[in-house]
Amino acid sequence: QVQLLESGGGLVQPGGSLRLSCAASGSILSVLPVYWYRQIPGKQREGVAFVQPGKTDYVDAVKGRFTISEDDVKNTVDLQMNSLKPEDTGVYYCKGRNTNWGQGTQVTVAS
């Protein structure tokens, strides 16, 4: 079974950028579509972006700021996050078809 591992989180000031990476232990193509989710304190886990062959989509709150991309050579799905806001703070997870939830990566946006 392919496993996904998230990385790239950290502390960033409002307006800053981070790039999250979701690395697959096998072929990323075999687990598409891949979604990035986030768990904001006090709220339910929500999907923020997904990628499948030929298509990407985003939740309204991140449109124009986040970009999801898939690399089938590196077997990764990255989430480029720009113009970060304090309300983007949370734990970010990636999830593919038939993959388990991982530990996630913490993103903190604060001055």
C-alpha atoms as a PDB file:
ATOM      1  CA  GLN A   1       0.000   0.000   0.000  1.00  0.00           C
ATOM      2  CA  VAL A   2       1.326   3.437  -0.926  1.00  0.00           C
ATOM      3  CA  GLN A   3       1.885   5.761   2.003  1.00  0.00           C
ATOM      4  CA  LEU A   4       2.017   9.543   1.926  1.00  0.00           C
ATOM      5  CA  LEU A   5       4.245  11.706   4.113  1.00  0.00           C
ATOM      6  CA  GLU A   6       3.670  15.417   4.627  1.00  0.00           C
ATOM      7  CA  SER A   7       6.464  17.931   5.206  1.00  0.00           C
ATOM      8  CA  GLY A   8       7.279  21.596   4.840  1.00  0.00           C
ATOM      9  CA  GLY A   9       5.239  23.227   7.585  1.00  0.00           C
ATOM     10  CA  GLY A  10       6.556  25.882   9.914  1.00  0.00           C
ATOM     11  CA  LEU A  11       6.089  29.325  11.374  1.00  0.00           C
ATOM     12  CA  VAL A  12       5.627  32.196   8.940  1.00  0.00           C
ATOM     13  CA  GLN A  13       4.534  35.810   9.236  1.00  0.00           C
ATOM     14  CA  PRO A  14       1.253  37.003   7.707  1.00  0.00           C
ATOM     15  CA  GLY A  15       1.751  37.602   4.012  1.00  0.00           C
ATOM     16  CA  GLY A  16       4.506  35.034   3.813  1.00  0.00           C
ATOM     17  CA  SER A  17       4.776  31.782   1.884  1.00  0.00           C
ATOM     18  CA  LEU A  18       5.319  28.107   2.567  1.00  0.00           C
ATOM     19  CA  ARG A  19       5.556  25.097   0.297  1.00  0.00           C
ATOM     20  CA  LEU A  20       4.181  21.835   1.625  1.00  0.00           C
ATOM     21  CA  SER A  21       5.172  18.526   0.103  1.00  0.00           C
ATOM     22  CA  CYS A  22       3.351  15.205   0.100  1.00  0.00           C
ATOM     23  CA  ALA A  23       5.751  12.396  -0.793  1.00  0.00           C
ATOM     24  CA  ALA A  24       4.496   8.993  -1.871  1.00  0.00           C
ATOM     25  CA  SER A  25       6.288   5.744  -1.010  1.00  0.00           C
ATOM     26  CA  GLY A  26       5.340   4.480  -4.469  1.00  0.00           C
ATOM     27  CA  SER A  27       3.746   5.847  -7.596  1.00  0.00           C
ATOM     28  CA  ILE A  28       1.821   9.048  -6.959  1.00  0.00           C
ATOM     29  CA  LEU A  29      -0.209   8.326 -10.074  1.00  0.00           C
ATOM     30  CA  SER A  30      -1.626   5.215  -8.407  1.00  0.00           C
ATOM     31  CA  VAL A  31      -3.235   7.230  -5.600  1.00  0.00           C
ATOM     32  CA  LEU A  32      -4.657  10.169  -7.535  1.00  0.00           C
ATOM     33  CA  PRO A  33      -6.732  12.167  -6.860  1.00  0.00           C
ATOM     34  CA  VAL A  34      -4.761  13.575  -3.954  1.00  0.00           C
ATOM     35  CA  TYR A  35      -6.306  16.088  -1.594  1.00  0.00           C
ATOM     36  CA  TRP A  36      -4.730  18.514   0.830  1.00  0.00           C
ATOM     37  CA  TYR A  37      -6.809  18.964   3.987  1.00  0.00           C
ATOM     38  CA  ARG A  38      -6.329  21.145   7.019  1.00  0.00           C
ATOM     39  CA  GLN A  39      -7.437  20.879  10.609  1.00  0.00           C
ATOM     40  CA  ILE A  40      -7.925  24.301  12.133  1.00  0.00           C
ATOM     41  CA  PRO A  41      -8.242  24.372  15.944  1.00  0.00           C
ATOM     42  CA  GLY A  42     -11.895  24.109  16.951  1.00  0.00           C
ATOM     43  CA  LYS A  43     -13.079  23.239  13.449  1.00  0.00           C
ATOM     44  CA  GLN A  44     -13.653  20.117  11.413  1.00  0.00           C
ATOM     45  CA  ARG A  45     -11.006  18.956   8.999  1.00  0.00           C
ATOM     46  CA  GLU A  46     -11.632  20.569   5.618  1.00  0.00           C
ATOM     47  CA  GLY A  47     -10.381  19.926   2.135  1.00  0.00           C
ATOM     48  CA  VAL A  48      -8.511  22.880   0.669  1.00  0.00           C
ATOM     49  CA  ALA A  49      -7.282  21.587  -2.692  1.00  0.00           C
ATOM     50  CA  PHE A  50      -7.122  18.519  -4.878  1.00  0.00           C
ATOM     51  CA  VAL A  51      -5.332  17.355  -7.978  1.00  0.00           C
ATOM     52  CA  GLN A  52      -6.230  14.692 -10.501  1.00  0.00           C
ATOM     53  CA  PRO A  53      -5.059  14.216 -14.075  1.00  0.00           C
ATOM     54  CA  GLY A  54      -5.927  17.391 -15.917  1.00  0.00           C
ATOM     55  CA  LYS A  55      -7.753  19.093 -13.083  1.00  0.00           C
ATOM     56  CA  THR A  56      -7.173  21.004  -9.886  1.00  0.00           C
ATOM     57  CA  ASP A  57      -9.626  22.753  -7.600  1.00  0.00           C
ATOM     58  CA  TYR A  58      -9.582  24.774  -4.411  1.00  0.00           C
ATOM     59  CA  VAL A  59     -11.853  25.827  -1.614  1.00  0.00           C
ATOM     60  CA  ASP A  60     -12.889  29.461  -1.992  1.00  0.00           C
ATOM     61  CA  ALA A  61     -10.883  30.574   1.058  1.00  0.00           C
ATOM     62  CA  VAL A  62      -7.569  29.731  -0.638  1.00  0.00           C
ATOM     63  CA  LYS A  63      -8.303  30.390  -4.316  1.00  0.00           C
ATOM     64  CA  GLY A  64      -5.723  32.700  -5.832  1.00  0.00           C
ATOM     65  CA  ARG A  65      -3.305  32.113  -2.953  1.00  0.00           C
ATOM     66  CA  PHE A  66      -2.614  28.359  -2.954  1.00  0.00           C
ATOM     67  CA  THR A  67      -1.432  26.231  -5.868  1.00  0.00           C
ATOM     68  CA  ILE A  68      -1.440  22.430  -5.902  1.00  0.00           C
ATOM     69  CA  SER A  69       0.853  20.547  -8.248  1.00  0.00           C
ATOM     70  CA  GLU A  70       1.736  16.940  -8.930  1.00  0.00           C
ATOM     71  CA  ASP A  71       5.118  15.593 -10.003  1.00  0.00           C
ATOM     72  CA  ASP A  72       5.023  11.994 -11.198  1.00  0.00           C
ATOM     73  CA  VAL A  73       8.809  11.814 -11.462  1.00  0.00           C
ATOM     74  CA  LYS A  74       9.394  12.813  -7.851  1.00  0.00           C
ATOM     75  CA  ASN A  75       6.110  11.159  -6.789  1.00  0.00           C
ATOM     76  CA  THR A  76       5.015  14.216  -4.875  1.00  0.00           C
ATOM     77  CA  VAL A  77       2.042  16.528  -4.607  1.00  0.00           C
ATOM     78  CA  ASP A  78       3.036  19.981  -3.417  1.00  0.00           C
ATOM     79  CA  LEU A  79       0.947  22.812  -2.050  1.00  0.00           C
ATOM     80  CA  GLN A  80       2.432  26.269  -2.619  1.00  0.00           C
ATOM     81  CA  MET A  81       0.853  28.669  -0.156  1.00  0.00           C
ATOM     82  CA  ASN A  82       1.274  32.412  -0.686  1.00  0.00           C
ATOM     83  CA  SER A  83      -0.179  35.459   1.051  1.00  0.00           C
ATOM     84  CA  LEU A  84      -0.715  33.417   4.179  1.00  0.00           C
ATOM     85  CA  LYS A  85      -3.157  34.627   6.779  1.00  0.00           C
ATOM     86  CA  PRO A  86      -3.445  33.826  10.499  1.00  0.00           C
ATOM     87  CA  GLU A  87      -6.635  31.889   9.725  1.00  0.00           C
ATOM     88  CA  ASP A  88      -4.589  29.475   7.599  1.00  0.00           C
ATOM     89  CA  THR A  89      -2.987  28.200  10.795  1.00  0.00           C
ATOM     90  CA  GLY A  90      -3.564  24.495  11.337  1.00  0.00           C
ATOM     91  CA  VAL A  91      -2.307  21.001  10.670  1.00  0.00           C
ATOM     92  CA  TYR A  92      -2.182  20.135   6.972  1.00  0.00           C
ATOM     93  CA  TYR A  93      -2.655  16.596   5.697  1.00  0.00           C
ATOM     94  CA  CYS A  94      -2.525  14.980   2.294  1.00  0.00           C
ATOM     95  CA  LYS A  95      -4.737  12.052   1.387  1.00  0.00           C
ATOM     96  CA  GLY A  96      -4.858   9.961  -1.734  1.00  0.00           C
ATOM     97  CA  ARG A  97      -7.003   7.137  -3.015  1.00  0.00           C
ATOM     98  CA  ASN A  98      -6.789   4.206  -0.565  1.00  0.00           C
ATOM     99  CA  THR A  99      -4.080   5.865   1.545  1.00  0.00           C
ATOM    100  CA  ASN A 100      -4.144   6.258   5.309  1.00  0.00           C
ATOM    101  CA  TRP A 101      -4.098   9.554   7.151  1.00  0.00           C
ATOM    102  CA  GLY A 102      -0.590  10.662   8.084  1.00  0.00           C
ATOM    103  CA  GLN A 103       0.661  12.794  10.936  1.00  0.00           C
ATOM    104  CA  GLY A 104       0.272  16.016   9.010  1.00  0.00           C
ATOM    105  CA  THR A 105       2.487  19.070   9.102  1.00  0.00           C
ATOM    106  CA  GLN A 106       1.870  22.108  11.295  1.00  0.00           C
ATOM    107  CA  VAL A 107       1.483  25.525   9.675  1.00  0.00           C
ATOM    108  CA  THR A 108       1.472  28.551  11.960  1.00  0.00           C
ATOM    109  CA  VAL A 109       0.901  32.039  10.582  1.00  0.00           C
ATOM    110  CA  ALA A 110       1.677  34.663  13.209  1.00  0.00           C
ATOM    111  CA  SER A 111       3.652  37.858  13.608  1.00  0.00           C
END
